[in-house]
Amino acid sequence: MHDLPRDTMRCILVSAHGDDINKLIYMSNEYPKPIRKKGEVLIKVRACSLAPDKVIVEFELPRPLNGLAEYISVKEKLIELAPKSVTLMEAAALPSSALSAMVASKKLVRPGDRVLVLGGSGGVGCFFVQLVKIYGAEYVACTTSSDTMSTLGVDKVINYKIMNWWEDEELRSGRPFDLIVDLAEGRKAWKKATSSKLLSRKGHFLAFTADDPLIEIHNFRQTFSAVGPMMWRSFWTKLWPFTPTYTCLGDWLEPKPGRLAEVARLVDNGMKVVLDPVSPLTFNEADVRLGFDLMKQRRAHGKVVISIQE
């Protein structure tokens, strides 16, 4: 325990814009505790899962990095009880990754669909491969170097270190996919999906990553350069009947009241929460850097979780 004044807390601060998280973050032991505003609740944070931070767009710096703080103030209408069937460390993996995968699956998956998830063993992918089956997919394939995906109900695993997914004979001999979810590759995946005809002409390509997965965004020009081509692709493919529909993340993935409760019900009904073997990491600078480094190098299999306080 840390005997700090009641109006301060420990937190990870991000100090500047950039792509090297190791150079941008540091631990503060005396940062002002957030003040609860009207309609908000001040929460004592027990655990926080990490998300890739290659893109950092902050206008008031330094400031706490997401939930890596002992306390956080959030809107009351977005608060839900954690699932009863998992630990708080596992529950911390749900609000971002499982929520995104659930909303996207409900919107795009239809009974009998064939789905390919590129980057299936990452934090979002581990939920996606389960949820598309829950919402009716008949066949699910994924790319990964992990050997644990069969326990999540995946029908076909392609080790991307050995085989290019667009050259796999089993995939090429089957019916084209109705949905391809890109969590790892960027524009190359869209080009391969369409040129190989592995994606149905009436299918959907869902991009969770930018055209360049390692893009840096520090200003409006870079924002337009990164997002502009994706938005244009999303626009024209909806109008052109002879090509699959390209979809990038939009407002429909924003948190809304009731969505986390639905995620909790899915977990209590059997959806598995997969944590990377390093989890939980300790709440200090070295372990936070280690967690981000795992994701930067794409070596995380499941969610990376930081234990903030008991």
C-alpha atoms as a PDB file:
ATOM      1  CA  MET A   1       0.000   0.000   0.000  1.00  0.00           C
ATOM      2  CA  HIS A   2       1.077   3.600  -0.587  1.00  0.00           C
ATOM      3  CA  ASP A   3       0.411   6.286   2.037  1.00  0.00           C
ATOM      4  CA  LEU A   4      -0.418   9.136  -0.316  1.00  0.00           C
ATOM      5  CA  PRO A   5      -2.519  12.214   0.395  1.00  0.00           C
ATOM      6  CA  ARG A   6      -6.198  11.563  -0.260  1.00  0.00           C
ATOM      7  CA  ASP A   7      -6.270  13.993  -3.188  1.00  0.00           C
ATOM      8  CA  THR A   8      -3.466  12.328  -5.181  1.00  0.00           C
ATOM      9  CA  MET A   9      -2.935   8.953  -6.832  1.00  0.00           C
ATOM     10  CA  ARG A  10      -0.419   6.832  -8.704  1.00  0.00           C
ATOM     11  CA  CYS A  11      -0.868   6.714 -12.478  1.00  0.00           C
ATOM     12  CA  ILE A  12       0.964   6.264 -15.770  1.00  0.00           C
ATOM     13  CA  LEU A  13       1.290   9.559 -17.638  1.00  0.00           C
ATOM     14  CA  VAL A  14       1.843  10.049 -21.353  1.00  0.00           C
ATOM     15  CA  SER A  15       4.154  13.012 -21.857  1.00  0.00           C
ATOM     16  CA  ALA A  16       4.167  13.673 -25.606  1.00  0.00           C
ATOM     17  CA  HIS A  17       3.038  12.564 -29.057  1.00  0.00           C
ATOM     18  CA  GLY A  18       4.920   9.738 -30.741  1.00  0.00           C
ATOM     19  CA  ASP A  19       5.082   6.063 -31.604  1.00  0.00           C
ATOM     20  CA  ASP A  20       7.639   4.731 -29.088  1.00  0.00           C
ATOM     21  CA  ILE A  21       5.608   4.148 -25.954  1.00  0.00           C
ATOM     22  CA  ASN A  22       8.765   3.515 -23.923  1.00  0.00           C
ATOM     23  CA  LYS A  23       9.856   7.112 -24.458  1.00  0.00           C
ATOM     24  CA  LEU A  24       6.445   8.629 -23.799  1.00  0.00           C
ATOM     25  CA  ILE A  25       5.226   7.190 -20.496  1.00  0.00           C
ATOM     26  CA  TYR A  26       6.308   7.522 -16.897  1.00  0.00           C
ATOM     27  CA  MET A  27       4.889   6.800 -13.455  1.00  0.00           C
ATOM     28  CA  SER A  28       3.620   9.636 -11.285  1.00  0.00           C
ATOM     29  CA  ASN A  29       3.119   9.027  -7.559  1.00  0.00           C
ATOM     30  CA  GLU A  30       1.345  12.313  -6.824  1.00  0.00           C
ATOM     31  CA  TYR A  31      -1.013  13.062  -9.699  1.00  0.00           C
ATOM     32  CA  PRO A  32      -4.283  14.804  -8.740  1.00  0.00           C
ATOM     33  CA  LYS A  33      -7.128  12.364  -8.192  1.00  0.00           C
ATOM     34  CA  PRO A  34      -9.945  13.009 -10.716  1.00  0.00           C
ATOM     35  CA  ILE A  35     -12.896  15.048  -9.527  1.00  0.00           C
ATOM     36  CA  ARG A  36     -16.273  13.450 -10.095  1.00  0.00           C
ATOM     37  CA  LYS A  37     -18.526  15.539 -12.300  1.00  0.00           C
ATOM     38  CA  LYS A  38     -22.309  15.494 -12.419  1.00  0.00           C
ATOM     39  CA  GLY A  39     -23.521  12.146 -13.737  1.00  0.00           C
ATOM     40  CA  GLU A  40     -20.172  10.451 -13.086  1.00  0.00           C
ATOM     41  CA  VAL A  41     -18.879   7.917 -10.569  1.00  0.00           C
ATOM     42  CA  LEU A  42     -15.381   7.891  -9.072  1.00  0.00           C
ATOM     43  CA  ILE A  43     -14.041   4.345  -9.360  1.00  0.00           C
ATOM     44  CA  LYS A  44     -11.144   2.664  -7.585  1.00  0.00           C
ATOM     45  CA  VAL A  45      -9.351   0.750 -10.355  1.00  0.00           C
ATOM     46  CA  ARG A  46      -8.391  -2.843  -9.590  1.00  0.00           C
ATOM     47  CA  ALA A  47      -7.086  -3.854 -13.015  1.00  0.00           C
ATOM     48  CA  CYS A  48      -6.655  -2.433 -16.520  1.00  0.00           C
ATOM     49  CA  SER A  49      -6.066  -4.162 -19.842  1.00  0.00           C
ATOM     50  CA  LEU A  50      -3.753  -2.647 -22.439  1.00  0.00           C
ATOM     51  CA  ALA A  51      -4.499  -1.759 -26.062  1.00  0.00           C
ATOM     52  CA  PRO A  52      -1.961  -1.024 -28.818  1.00  0.00           C
ATOM     53  CA  ASP A  53      -0.852   2.614 -28.613  1.00  0.00           C
ATOM     54  CA  LYS A  54       1.029   3.153 -31.861  1.00  0.00           C
ATOM     55  CA  VAL A  55      -1.317   6.078 -32.445  1.00  0.00           C
ATOM     56  CA  ILE A  56      -1.432   8.639 -29.641  1.00  0.00           C
ATOM     57  CA  VAL A  57      -3.486  11.767 -30.234  1.00  0.00           C
ATOM     58  CA  GLU A  58      -3.589  13.863 -27.072  1.00  0.00           C
ATOM     59  CA  PHE A  59      -3.978  17.623 -26.870  1.00  0.00           C
ATOM     60  CA  GLU A  60      -3.447  18.183 -23.139  1.00  0.00           C
ATOM     61  CA  LEU A  61      -0.170  16.640 -22.065  1.00  0.00           C
ATOM     62  CA  PRO A  62       0.944  15.145 -19.775  1.00  0.00           C
ATOM     63  CA  ARG A  63      -2.192  13.234 -18.824  1.00  0.00           C
ATOM     64  CA  PRO A  64      -3.107   9.753 -17.504  1.00  0.00           C
ATOM     65  CA  LEU A  65      -2.967   6.993 -20.112  1.00  0.00           C
ATOM     66  CA  ASN A  66      -6.462   5.479 -20.299  1.00  0.00           C
ATOM     67  CA  GLY A  67      -7.230   3.410 -17.178  1.00  0.00           C
ATOM     68  CA  LEU A  68      -3.661   3.105 -15.904  1.00  0.00           C
ATOM     69  CA  ALA A  69      -4.448   4.987 -12.706  1.00  0.00           C
ATOM     70  CA  GLU A  70      -5.615   4.162  -9.205  1.00  0.00           C
ATOM     71  CA  TYR A  71      -8.827   6.138  -9.738  1.00  0.00           C
ATOM     72  CA  ILE A  72     -10.908   7.162 -12.734  1.00  0.00           C
ATOM     73  CA  SER A  73     -14.177   9.067 -13.119  1.00  0.00           C
ATOM     74  CA  VAL A  74     -16.657   7.622 -15.631  1.00  0.00           C
ATOM     75  CA  LYS A  75     -20.225   8.253 -16.719  1.00  0.00           C
ATOM     76  CA  GLU A  76     -22.668   6.479 -14.445  1.00  0.00           C
ATOM     77  CA  LYS A  77     -24.826   5.316 -17.366  1.00  0.00           C
ATOM     78  CA  LEU A  78     -21.919   3.264 -18.762  1.00  0.00           C
ATOM     79  CA  ILE A  79     -21.204   1.311 -15.558  1.00  0.00           C
ATOM     80  CA  GLU A  80     -22.159  -2.360 -15.350  1.00  0.00           C
ATOM     81  CA  LEU A  81     -21.465  -5.183 -12.897  1.00  0.00           C
ATOM     82  CA  ALA A  82     -18.590  -7.508 -13.777  1.00  0.00           C
ATOM     83  CA  PRO A  83     -19.453 -11.073 -14.821  1.00  0.00           C
ATOM     84  CA  LYS A  84     -19.870 -13.424 -11.854  1.00  0.00           C
ATOM     85  CA  SER A  85     -17.973 -16.297 -13.486  1.00  0.00           C
ATOM     86  CA  VAL A  86     -14.536 -14.657 -13.929  1.00  0.00           C
ATOM     87  CA  THR A  87     -11.958 -12.863 -11.812  1.00  0.00           C
ATOM     88  CA  LEU A  88     -11.590  -9.086 -11.822  1.00  0.00           C
ATOM     89  CA  MET A  89      -8.336  -9.524 -13.781  1.00  0.00           C
ATOM     90  CA  GLU A  90     -10.278 -11.337 -16.496  1.00  0.00           C
ATOM     91  CA  ALA A  91     -13.166  -8.880 -16.349  1.00  0.00           C
ATOM     92  CA  ALA A  92     -10.713  -6.047 -17.075  1.00  0.00           C
ATOM     93  CA  ALA A  93     -10.115  -7.602 -20.512  1.00  0.00           C
ATOM     94  CA  LEU A  94     -13.729  -7.113 -21.609  1.00  0.00           C
ATOM     95  CA  PRO A  95     -14.703  -3.414 -21.959  1.00  0.00           C
ATOM     96  CA  SER A  96     -12.717  -2.655 -25.097  1.00  0.00           C
ATOM     97  CA  SER A  97     -11.911  -5.866 -26.949  1.00  0.00           C
ATOM     98  CA  ALA A  98     -14.951  -8.027 -26.204  1.00  0.00           C
ATOM     99  CA  LEU A  99     -17.296  -5.072 -26.640  1.00  0.00           C
ATOM    100  CA  SER A 100     -15.871  -4.196 -30.071  1.00  0.00           C
ATOM    101  CA  ALA A 101     -15.991  -7.824 -31.216  1.00  0.00           C
ATOM    102  CA  MET A 102     -19.566  -8.271 -29.977  1.00  0.00           C
ATOM    103  CA  VAL A 103     -20.990  -5.169 -31.659  1.00  0.00           C
ATOM    104  CA  ALA A 104     -19.238  -5.902 -34.957  1.00  0.00           C
ATOM    105  CA  SER A 105     -20.290  -9.574 -34.940  1.00  0.00           C
ATOM    106  CA  LYS A 106     -23.931  -8.727 -34.247  1.00  0.00           C
ATOM    107  CA  LYS A 107     -23.934  -6.219 -37.093  1.00  0.00           C
ATOM    108  CA  LEU A 108     -22.184  -8.255 -39.778  1.00  0.00           C
ATOM    109  CA  VAL A 109     -22.566 -11.999 -39.076  1.00  0.00           C
ATOM    110  CA  ARG A 110     -25.500 -13.984 -40.436  1.00  0.00           C
ATOM    111  CA  PRO A 111     -26.412 -17.645 -39.783  1.00  0.00           C
ATOM    112  CA  GLY A 112     -24.384 -19.971 -41.989  1.00  0.00           C
ATOM    113  CA  ASP A 113     -21.614 -17.445 -42.713  1.00  0.00           C
ATOM    114  CA  ARG A 114     -17.991 -18.370 -43.302  1.00  0.00           C
ATOM    115  CA  VAL A 115     -15.627 -16.036 -41.422  1.00  0.00           C
ATOM    116  CA  LEU A 116     -11.860 -15.488 -41.570  1.00  0.00           C
ATOM    117  CA  VAL A 117     -10.190 -13.573 -38.732  1.00  0.00           C
ATOM    118  CA  LEU A 118      -6.702 -12.245 -39.474  1.00  0.00           C
ATOM    119  CA  GLY A 119      -4.805 -12.036 -36.179  1.00  0.00           C
ATOM    120  CA  GLY A 120      -7.078 -14.385 -34.265  1.00  0.00           C
ATOM    121  CA  SER A 121      -5.071 -14.853 -31.081  1.00  0.00           C
ATOM    122  CA  GLY A 122      -4.781 -11.174 -30.137  1.00  0.00           C
ATOM    123  CA  GLY A 123      -6.907  -9.444 -27.518  1.00  0.00           C
ATOM    124  CA  VAL A 124      -9.809  -8.718 -29.897  1.00  0.00           C
ATOM    125  CA  GLY A 125      -9.344 -11.827 -32.024  1.00  0.00           C
ATOM    126  CA  CYS A 126      -9.805 -14.276 -29.140  1.00  0.00           C
ATOM    127  CA  PHE A 127     -13.282 -12.838 -28.596  1.00  0.00           C
ATOM    128  CA  PHE A 128     -14.091 -12.468 -32.287  1.00  0.00           C
ATOM    129  CA  VAL A 129     -13.564 -16.137 -33.173  1.00  0.00           C
ATOM    130  CA  GLN A 130     -15.986 -17.109 -30.399  1.00  0.00           C
ATOM    131  CA  LEU A 131     -18.600 -14.441 -31.016  1.00  0.00           C
ATOM    132  CA  VAL A 132     -19.006 -15.035 -34.741  1.00  0.00           C
ATOM    133  CA  LYS A 133     -19.889 -18.643 -33.879  1.00  0.00           C
ATOM    134  CA  ILE A 134     -22.299 -17.486 -31.161  1.00  0.00           C
ATOM    135  CA  TYR A 135     -24.064 -15.269 -33.719  1.00  0.00           C
ATOM    136  CA  GLY A 136     -24.417 -18.024 -36.285  1.00  0.00           C
ATOM    137  CA  ALA A 137     -21.219 -18.466 -38.308  1.00  0.00           C
ATOM    138  CA  GLU A 138     -20.894 -21.965 -39.705  1.00  0.00           C
ATOM    139  CA  TYR A 139     -17.136 -21.995 -40.311  1.00  0.00           C
ATOM    140  CA  VAL A 140     -14.398 -19.887 -38.687  1.00  0.00           C
ATOM    141  CA  ALA A 141     -10.769 -19.753 -39.771  1.00  0.00           C
ATOM    142  CA  CYS A 142      -8.023 -17.560 -38.345  1.00  0.00           C
ATOM    143  CA  THR A 143      -4.369 -16.687 -38.796  1.00  0.00           C
ATOM    144  CA  THR A 144      -2.044 -16.915 -35.797  1.00  0.00           C
ATOM    145  CA  SER A 145       1.162 -18.481 -34.575  1.00  0.00           C
ATOM    146  CA  SER A 146      -0.554 -19.624 -31.365  1.00  0.00           C
ATOM    147  CA  ASP A 147      -1.542 -23.260 -30.817  1.00  0.00           C
ATOM    148  CA  THR A 148      -4.463 -22.543 -28.484  1.00  0.00           C
ATOM    149  CA  MET A 149      -7.155 -21.447 -30.945  1.00  0.00           C
ATOM    150  CA  SER A 150      -8.828 -24.836 -31.356  1.00  0.00           C
ATOM    151  CA  THR A 151     -10.046 -24.524 -27.735  1.00  0.00           C
ATOM    152  CA  LEU A 152     -12.046 -21.455 -28.814  1.00  0.00           C
ATOM    153  CA  GLY A 153     -14.014 -23.312 -31.477  1.00  0.00           C
ATOM    154  CA  VAL A 154     -11.946 -22.331 -34.524  1.00  0.00           C
ATOM    155  CA  ASP A 155     -12.365 -24.756 -37.444  1.00  0.00           C
ATOM    156  CA  LYS A 156      -9.161 -23.900 -39.292  1.00  0.00           C
ATOM    157  CA  VAL A 157      -5.919 -22.312 -38.042  1.00  0.00           C
ATOM    158  CA  ILE A 158      -3.335 -20.962 -40.503  1.00  0.00           C
ATOM    159  CA  ASN A 159       0.108 -20.356 -39.066  1.00  0.00           C
ATOM    160  CA  TYR A 160       1.060 -17.149 -40.874  1.00  0.00           C
ATOM    161  CA  LYS A 161       4.746 -17.859 -40.266  1.00  0.00           C
ATOM    162  CA  ILE A 162       4.470 -20.962 -42.442  1.00  0.00           C
ATOM    163  CA  MET A 163       1.632 -20.304 -44.902  1.00  0.00           C
ATOM    164  CA  ASN A 164       0.075 -17.270 -46.570  1.00  0.00           C
ATOM    165  CA  TRP A 165      -3.651 -17.443 -45.872  1.00  0.00           C
ATOM    166  CA  TRP A 166      -4.569 -16.447 -49.434  1.00  0.00           C
ATOM    167  CA  GLU A 167      -2.600 -19.465 -50.726  1.00  0.00           C
ATOM    168  CA  ASP A 168      -4.074 -22.087 -48.382  1.00  0.00           C
ATOM    169  CA  GLU A 169      -5.660 -24.854 -50.469  1.00  0.00           C
ATOM    170  CA  GLU A 170      -8.450 -25.640 -48.004  1.00  0.00           C
ATOM    171  CA  LEU A 171      -9.566 -22.017 -47.968  1.00  0.00           C
ATOM    172  CA  ARG A 172      -9.294 -21.673 -51.739  1.00  0.00           C
ATOM    173  CA  SER A 173     -11.299 -24.841 -52.402  1.00  0.00           C
ATOM    174  CA  GLY A 174     -14.180 -23.853 -50.129  1.00  0.00           C
ATOM    175  CA  ARG A 175     -16.989 -21.382 -50.584  1.00  0.00           C
ATOM    176  CA  PRO A 176     -15.786 -17.752 -50.463  1.00  0.00           C
ATOM    177  CA  PHE A 177     -15.886 -16.090 -47.062  1.00  0.00           C
ATOM    178  CA  ASP A 178     -18.825 -13.898 -46.151  1.00  0.00           C
ATOM    179  CA  LEU A 179     -16.737 -11.865 -43.716  1.00  0.00           C
ATOM    180  CA  ILE A 180     -13.015 -11.226 -43.335  1.00  0.00           C
ATOM    181  CA  VAL A 181     -11.935  -9.384 -40.192  1.00  0.00           C
ATOM    182  CA  ASP A 182      -8.524  -7.720 -40.334  1.00  0.00           C
ATOM    183  CA  LEU A 183      -6.892  -7.238 -36.941  1.00  0.00           C
ATOM    184  CA  ALA A 184      -3.290  -7.278 -38.110  1.00  0.00           C
ATOM    185  CA  GLU A 185      -2.358  -6.624 -41.730  1.00  0.00           C
ATOM    186  CA  GLY A 186      -3.846  -3.400 -43.127  1.00  0.00           C
ATOM    187  CA  ARG A 187      -4.386  -2.569 -46.799  1.00  0.00           C
ATOM    188  CA  LYS A 188      -2.430  -5.630 -47.967  1.00  0.00           C
ATOM    189  CA  ALA A 189      -5.143  -7.870 -46.517  1.00  0.00           C
ATOM    190  CA  TRP A 190      -7.900  -6.047 -48.433  1.00  0.00           C
ATOM    191  CA  LYS A 191      -5.979  -6.386 -51.696  1.00  0.00           C
ATOM    192  CA  LYS A 192      -5.287 -10.090 -51.133  1.00  0.00           C
ATOM    193  CA  ALA A 193      -8.885 -10.792 -50.085  1.00  0.00           C
ATOM    194  CA  THR A 194     -10.278  -9.304 -53.293  1.00  0.00           C
ATOM    195  CA  SER A 195      -7.615 -10.453 -55.767  1.00  0.00           C
ATOM    196  CA  SER A 196      -7.681 -14.059 -54.482  1.00  0.00           C
ATOM    197  CA  LYS A 197     -11.503 -14.064 -54.561  1.00  0.00           C
ATOM    198  CA  LEU A 198     -11.515 -15.618 -51.077  1.00  0.00           C
ATOM    199  CA  LEU A 199     -14.044 -12.951 -50.071  1.00  0.00           C
ATOM    200  CA  SER A 200     -17.488 -13.207 -51.604  1.00  0.00           C
ATOM    201  CA  ARG A 201     -18.548 -10.390 -53.919  1.00  0.00           C
ATOM    202  CA  LYS A 202     -21.453  -9.816 -51.548  1.00  0.00           C
ATOM    203  CA  GLY A 203     -19.259 -10.200 -48.460  1.00  0.00           C
ATOM    204  CA  HIS A 204     -17.832  -7.722 -45.957  1.00  0.00           C
ATOM    205  CA  PHE A 205     -14.245  -6.810 -45.135  1.00  0.00           C
ATOM    206  CA  LEU A 206     -14.010  -5.310 -41.642  1.00  0.00           C
ATOM    207  CA  ALA A 207     -10.832  -3.302 -40.978  1.00  0.00           C
ATOM    208  CA  PHE A 208      -9.861  -2.993 -37.327  1.00  0.00           C
ATOM    209  CA  THR A 209      -6.420  -1.726 -38.288  1.00  0.00           C
ATOM    210  CA  ALA A 210      -5.271   1.147 -40.493  1.00  0.00           C
ATOM    211  CA  ASP A 211      -3.896   0.650 -44.000  1.00  0.00           C
ATOM    212  CA  ASP A 212      -0.479   0.974 -42.380  1.00  0.00           C
ATOM    213  CA  PRO A 213      -0.701  -0.854 -39.019  1.00  0.00           C
ATOM    214  CA  LEU A 214       2.288   1.150 -37.719  1.00  0.00           C
ATOM    215  CA  ILE A 215       0.966   4.575 -38.656  1.00  0.00           C
ATOM    216  CA  GLU A 216       1.718   7.633 -36.517  1.00  0.00           C
ATOM    217  CA  ILE A 217      -0.891  10.380 -36.155  1.00  0.00           C
ATOM    218  CA  HIS A 218       0.128  13.685 -34.585  1.00  0.00           C
ATOM    219  CA  ASN A 219      -1.844  16.276 -36.564  1.00  0.00           C
ATOM    220  CA  PHE A 220      -4.837  16.772 -38.894  1.00  0.00           C
ATOM    221  CA  ARG A 221      -2.843  16.227 -42.077  1.00  0.00           C
ATOM    222  CA  GLN A 222      -1.605  12.848 -40.857  1.00  0.00           C
ATOM    223  CA  THR A 223      -5.117  11.996 -39.696  1.00  0.00           C
ATOM    224  CA  PHE A 224      -6.554  12.702 -43.146  1.00  0.00           C
ATOM    225  CA  SER A 225      -3.704  10.818 -44.834  1.00  0.00           C
ATOM    226  CA  ALA A 226      -4.377   7.747 -42.688  1.00  0.00           C
ATOM    227  CA  VAL A 227      -8.172   7.752 -42.581  1.00  0.00           C
ATOM    228  CA  GLY A 228      -9.037   9.353 -45.931  1.00  0.00           C
ATOM    229  CA  PRO A 229      -8.293   6.358 -48.198  1.00  0.00           C
ATOM    230  CA  MET A 230     -10.129   4.005 -45.830  1.00  0.00           C
ATOM    231  CA  MET A 231     -13.210   6.213 -45.691  1.00  0.00           C
ATOM    232  CA  TRP A 232     -13.242   6.575 -49.488  1.00  0.00           C
ATOM    233  CA  ARG A 233     -12.913   2.799 -49.877  1.00  0.00           C
ATOM    234  CA  SER A 234     -15.769   2.322 -47.435  1.00  0.00           C
ATOM    235  CA  PHE A 235     -17.901   4.771 -49.457  1.00  0.00           C
ATOM    236  CA  TRP A 236     -17.353   3.533 -52.994  1.00  0.00           C
ATOM    237  CA  THR A 237     -17.549  -0.209 -52.221  1.00  0.00           C
ATOM    238  CA  LYS A 238     -21.068   0.300 -50.850  1.00  0.00           C
ATOM    239  CA  LEU A 239     -22.111   1.791 -54.199  1.00  0.00           C
ATOM    240  CA  TRP A 240     -20.330  -0.636 -56.527  1.00  0.00           C
ATOM    241  CA  PRO A 241     -22.260  -3.939 -56.749  1.00  0.00           C
ATOM    242  CA  PHE A 242     -19.375  -5.997 -58.140  1.00  0.00           C
ATOM    243  CA  THR A 243     -17.007  -5.811 -55.191  1.00  0.00           C
ATOM    244  CA  PRO A 244     -17.169  -6.762 -51.492  1.00  0.00           C
ATOM    245  CA  THR A 245     -18.101  -4.049 -48.992  1.00  0.00           C
ATOM    246  CA  TYR A 246     -15.229  -2.491 -47.079  1.00  0.00           C
ATOM    247  CA  THR A 247     -16.051  -1.298 -43.549  1.00  0.00           C
ATOM    248  CA  CYS A 248     -13.781   0.492 -41.097  1.00  0.00           C
ATOM    249  CA  LEU A 249     -14.557   1.156 -37.466  1.00  0.00           C
ATOM    250  CA  GLY A 250     -17.186   3.821 -36.927  1.00  0.00           C
ATOM    251  CA  ASP A 251     -19.533   5.339 -34.385  1.00  0.00           C
ATOM    252  CA  TRP A 252     -21.409   2.071 -34.031  1.00  0.00           C
ATOM    253  CA  LEU A 253     -18.574   0.781 -31.813  1.00  0.00           C
ATOM    254  CA  GLU A 254     -18.883   3.615 -29.303  1.00  0.00           C
ATOM    255  CA  PRO A 255     -19.802   2.549 -25.729  1.00  0.00           C
ATOM    256  CA  LYS A 256     -23.535   2.683 -25.099  1.00  0.00           C
ATOM    257  CA  PRO A 257     -25.601   1.853 -22.003  1.00  0.00           C
ATOM    258  CA  GLY A 258     -26.384  -1.852 -21.739  1.00  0.00           C
ATOM    259  CA  ARG A 259     -23.668  -3.143 -24.045  1.00  0.00           C
ATOM    260  CA  LEU A 260     -21.257  -4.152 -21.265  1.00  0.00           C
ATOM    261  CA  ALA A 261     -24.096  -5.953 -19.488  1.00  0.00           C
ATOM    262  CA  GLU A 262     -24.621  -7.981 -22.658  1.00  0.00           C
ATOM    263  CA  VAL A 263     -20.907  -8.822 -22.765  1.00  0.00           C
ATOM    264  CA  ALA A 264     -21.096  -9.935 -19.125  1.00  0.00           C
ATOM    265  CA  ARG A 265     -24.021 -12.256 -19.930  1.00  0.00           C
ATOM    266  CA  LEU A 266     -22.055 -13.811 -22.788  1.00  0.00           C
ATOM    267  CA  VAL A 267     -19.143 -14.529 -20.449  1.00  0.00           C
ATOM    268  CA  ASP A 268     -21.407 -15.995 -17.769  1.00  0.00           C
ATOM    269  CA  ASN A 269     -22.952 -18.183 -20.486  1.00  0.00           C
ATOM    270  CA  GLY A 270     -19.597 -19.661 -21.472  1.00  0.00           C
ATOM    271  CA  MET A 271     -17.578 -17.237 -23.604  1.00  0.00           C
ATOM    272  CA  LYS A 272     -13.926 -17.639 -22.627  1.00  0.00           C
ATOM    273  CA  VAL A 273     -11.651 -14.798 -21.550  1.00  0.00           C
ATOM    274  CA  VAL A 274      -8.083 -15.334 -22.755  1.00  0.00           C
ATOM    275  CA  LEU A 275      -5.246 -13.544 -20.978  1.00  0.00           C
ATOM    276  CA  ASP A 276      -1.661 -13.489 -22.192  1.00  0.00           C
ATOM    277  CA  PRO A 277       0.522 -15.732 -19.994  1.00  0.00           C
ATOM    278  CA  VAL A 278       2.369 -12.685 -18.584  1.00  0.00           C
ATOM    279  CA  SER A 279      -0.856 -11.368 -17.063  1.00  0.00           C
ATOM    280  CA  PRO A 280      -1.367  -9.925 -14.560  1.00  0.00           C
ATOM    281  CA  LEU A 281       1.581  -7.558 -14.685  1.00  0.00           C
ATOM    282  CA  THR A 282       2.459  -5.294 -11.760  1.00  0.00           C
ATOM    283  CA  PHE A 283       1.554  -1.614 -11.773  1.00  0.00           C
ATOM    284  CA  ASN A 284       4.993  -0.113 -12.313  1.00  0.00           C
ATOM    285  CA  GLU A 285       6.805   1.522 -15.213  1.00  0.00           C
ATOM    286  CA  ALA A 286       8.841  -1.546 -16.141  1.00  0.00           C
ATOM    287  CA  ASP A 287       5.862  -3.907 -16.377  1.00  0.00           C
ATOM    288  CA  VAL A 288       3.695  -1.400 -18.258  1.00  0.00           C
ATOM    289  CA  ARG A 289       6.510  -0.954 -20.782  1.00  0.00           C
ATOM    290  CA  LEU A 290       6.815  -4.751 -21.042  1.00  0.00           C
ATOM    291  CA  GLY A 291       3.101  -5.054 -21.759  1.00  0.00           C
ATOM    292  CA  PHE A 292       3.141  -2.469 -24.533  1.00  0.00           C
ATOM    293  CA  ASP A 293       6.311  -4.011 -25.962  1.00  0.00           C
ATOM    294  CA  LEU A 294       4.584  -7.400 -26.232  1.00  0.00           C
ATOM    295  CA  MET A 295       1.833  -5.864 -28.342  1.00  0.00           C
ATOM    296  CA  LYS A 296       4.215  -3.753 -30.398  1.00  0.00           C
ATOM    297  CA  GLN A 297       6.081  -6.895 -31.385  1.00  0.00           C
ATOM    298  CA  ARG A 298       2.794  -8.792 -31.863  1.00  0.00           C
ATOM    299  CA  ARG A 299       3.808 -11.411 -29.323  1.00  0.00           C
ATOM    300  CA  ALA A 300       0.746 -11.110 -27.088  1.00  0.00           C
ATOM    301  CA  HIS A 301      -1.733 -13.999 -27.232  1.00  0.00           C
ATOM    302  CA  GLY A 302      -4.835 -12.817 -25.436  1.00  0.00           C
ATOM    303  CA  LYS A 303      -5.233  -9.640 -23.386  1.00  0.00           C
ATOM    304  CA  VAL A 304      -2.399  -8.112 -21.390  1.00  0.00           C
ATOM    305  CA  VAL A 305      -3.713  -6.984 -17.992  1.00  0.00           C
ATOM    306  CA  ILE A 306      -2.111  -4.767 -15.347  1.00  0.00           C
ATOM    307  CA  SER A 307      -3.041  -5.296 -11.688  1.00  0.00           C
ATOM    308  CA  ILE A 308      -3.480  -1.746 -10.373  1.00  0.00           C
ATOM    309  CA  GLN A 309      -4.311  -2.247  -6.678  1.00  0.00           C
ATOM    310  CA  GLU A 310      -5.887  -4.743  -4.283  1.00  0.00           C
END
